[in-house]
C-alpha atoms as a PDB file:
ATOM      1  CA  MET A   1     -68.823 183.756  70.399  1.00  0.00           C
ATOM      2  CA  LYS A   2     -67.818 183.580  66.703  1.00  0.00           C
ATOM      3  CA  LYS A   3     -64.542 184.476  65.312  1.00  0.00           C
ATOM      4  CA  ALA A   4     -64.290 187.712  63.256  1.00  0.00           C
ATOM      5  CA  SER A   5     -63.092 185.691  60.233  1.00  0.00           C
ATOM      6  CA  GLU A   6     -66.288 183.441  60.280  1.00  0.00           C
ATOM      7  CA  PHE A   7     -68.428 186.456  60.325  1.00  0.00           C
ATOM      8  CA  LEU A   8     -66.527 187.965  57.739  1.00  0.00           C
ATOM      9  CA  GLU A   9     -66.777 184.892  55.594  1.00  0.00           C
ATOM     10  CA  LYS A  10     -70.641 184.520  56.128  1.00  0.00           C
ATOM     11  CA  TYR A  11     -70.898 188.332  55.387  1.00  0.00           C
ATOM     12  CA  GLU A  12     -69.118 187.821  52.010  1.00  0.00           C
ATOM     13  CA  ARG A  13     -71.051 184.685  51.047  1.00  0.00           C
ATOM     14  CA  GLU A  14     -74.398 186.767  51.475  1.00  0.00           C
ATOM     15  CA  GLN A  15     -73.126 189.648  49.595  1.00  0.00           C
ATOM     16  CA  VAL A  16     -72.207 187.475  46.604  1.00  0.00           C
ATOM     17  CA  LYS A  17     -75.609 185.629  46.928  1.00  0.00           C
ATOM     18  CA  GLU A  18     -77.455 188.941  46.816  1.00  0.00           C
ATOM     19  CA  GLU A  19     -75.342 190.349  43.829  1.00  0.00           C
ATOM     20  CA  SER A  20     -75.643 187.178  41.653  1.00  0.00           C
ATOM     21  CA  GLY A  21     -78.919 185.592  43.087  1.00  0.00           C
ATOM     22  CA  LYS A  22     -76.981 182.303  43.478  1.00  0.00           C
ATOM     23  CA  ASP A  23     -76.033 180.431  46.705  1.00  0.00           C
ATOM     24  CA  VAL A  24     -72.323 180.176  47.280  1.00  0.00           C
ATOM     25  CA  GLU A  25     -70.591 176.970  48.156  1.00  0.00           C
ATOM     26  CA  GLU A  26     -69.792 177.026  51.882  1.00  0.00           C
ATOM     27  CA  GLY A  27     -66.235 175.775  51.498  1.00  0.00           C
ATOM     28  CA  HIS A  28     -64.578 172.455  52.515  1.00  0.00           C
ATOM     29  CA  SER A  29     -66.569 171.317  55.704  1.00  0.00           C
ATOM     30  CA  LEU A  30     -67.708 167.987  56.277  1.00  0.00           C
ATOM     31  CA  GLU A  31     -71.141 168.907  56.251  1.00  0.00           C
ATOM     32  CA  ALA A  32     -70.559 170.565  52.586  1.00  0.00           C
ATOM     33  CA  HIS A  33     -69.256 167.491  51.408  1.00  0.00           C
ATOM     34  CA  ALA A  34     -71.838 165.171  52.810  1.00  0.00           C
ATOM     35  CA  LYS A  35     -74.655 167.294  51.181  1.00  0.00           C
ATOM     36  CA  GLU A  36     -72.734 167.243  47.907  1.00  0.00           C
ATOM     37  CA  ARG A  37     -72.604 163.270  48.332  1.00  0.00           C
ATOM     38  CA  ALA A  38     -76.196 163.033  49.338  1.00  0.00           C
ATOM     39  CA  LYS A  39     -77.040 164.584  45.945  1.00  0.00           C
ATOM     40  CA  HIS A  40     -75.322 161.750  43.827  1.00  0.00           C
ATOM     41  CA  PRO A  41     -76.428 158.486  45.660  1.00  0.00           C
ATOM     42  CA  ASP A  42     -75.477 156.430  42.435  1.00  0.00           C
ATOM     43  CA  HIS A  43     -71.773 157.539  42.769  1.00  0.00           C
ATOM     44  CA  LEU A  44     -70.112 155.251  45.370  1.00  0.00           C
ATOM     45  CA  ASN A  45     -66.856 156.603  46.500  1.00  0.00           C
ATOM     46  CA  ALA A  46     -66.190 155.036  49.957  1.00  0.00           C
ATOM     47  CA  GLY A  47     -64.545 151.844  51.197  1.00  0.00           C
ATOM     48  CA  THR A  48     -61.061 150.230  51.483  1.00  0.00           C
ATOM     49  CA  PRO A  49     -59.076 148.902  48.670  1.00  0.00           C
ATOM     50  CA  PHE A  50     -60.347 145.537  49.771  1.00  0.00           C
ATOM     51  CA  ASP A  51     -63.965 146.345  49.655  1.00  0.00           C
ATOM     52  CA  TRP A  52     -63.370 147.402  46.106  1.00  0.00           C
ATOM     53  CA  GLU A  53     -61.719 144.163  45.309  1.00  0.00           C
ATOM     54  CA  ASP A  54     -64.622 142.359  46.775  1.00  0.00           C
ATOM     55  CA  MET A  55     -67.087 144.461  45.100  1.00  0.00           C
ATOM     56  CA  GLU A  56     -65.317 143.781  41.624  1.00  0.00           C
ATOM     57  CA  ALA A  57     -65.416 139.962  42.430  1.00  0.00           C
ATOM     58  CA  TYR A  58     -69.104 140.005  43.211  1.00  0.00           C
ATOM     59  CA  ARG A  59     -69.723 141.721  40.109  1.00  0.00           C
ATOM     60  CA  LYS A  60     -67.592 139.336  37.833  1.00  0.00           C
ATOM     61  CA  GLU A  61     -69.639 136.525  39.650  1.00  0.00           C
ATOM     62  CA  LEU A  62     -72.977 138.033  38.890  1.00  0.00           C
ATOM     63  CA  LYS A  63     -71.894 138.386  35.344  1.00  0.00           C
ATOM     64  CA  ARG A  64     -70.729 134.655  35.136  1.00  0.00           C
ATOM     65  CA  LEU A  65     -74.202 133.791  36.663  1.00  0.00           C
ATOM     66  CA  GLU A  66     -76.039 135.734  34.065  1.00  0.00           C
ATOM     67  CA  ARG A  67     -74.018 133.585  31.328  1.00  0.00           C
ATOM     68  CA  GLU A  68     -73.603 130.285  32.843  1.00  0.00           C
ATOM     69  CA  GLY A  69     -76.243 129.866  35.398  1.00  0.00           C
ATOM     70  CA  PRO A  70     -75.602 128.680  38.977  1.00  0.00           C
ATOM     71  CA  LYS A  71     -73.143 125.941  39.688  1.00  0.00           C
ATOM     72  CA  LYS A  72     -74.487 122.667  40.547  1.00  0.00           C
ATOM     73  CA  ALA A  73     -74.449 121.391  44.144  1.00  0.00           C
ATOM     74  CA  GLY A  74     -71.039 120.352  45.356  1.00  0.00           C
ATOM     75  CA  GLY A  75     -69.912 116.940  46.084  1.00  0.00           C
ATOM     76  CA  ASP A  76     -68.796 113.779  44.064  1.00  0.00           C
ATOM     77  CA  PRO A  77     -70.997 113.029  41.210  1.00  0.00           C
ATOM     78  CA  LYS A  78     -70.021 109.315  41.322  1.00  0.00           C
ATOM     79  CA  LYS A  79     -71.489 108.956  44.748  1.00  0.00           C
ATOM     80  CA  GLY A  80     -75.232 108.392  44.540  1.00  0.00           C
END
């Protein structure tokens, strides 16, 4: 059983859609947000601050590798 407010909201969206010919945004539901994020996969907007710090360090390391190349194998160069 649906609430009257849900029915009214759906009815109003359908009326606007019929009048304008355009679909109306469904509000601020998790599903609506997920659909919007799926439309823009190149825009990453998730993770913790620590994840972002790791991502930035990784990007800097990639840029350094492009400039300087990989570091030589570790160890003491005097030991043969």
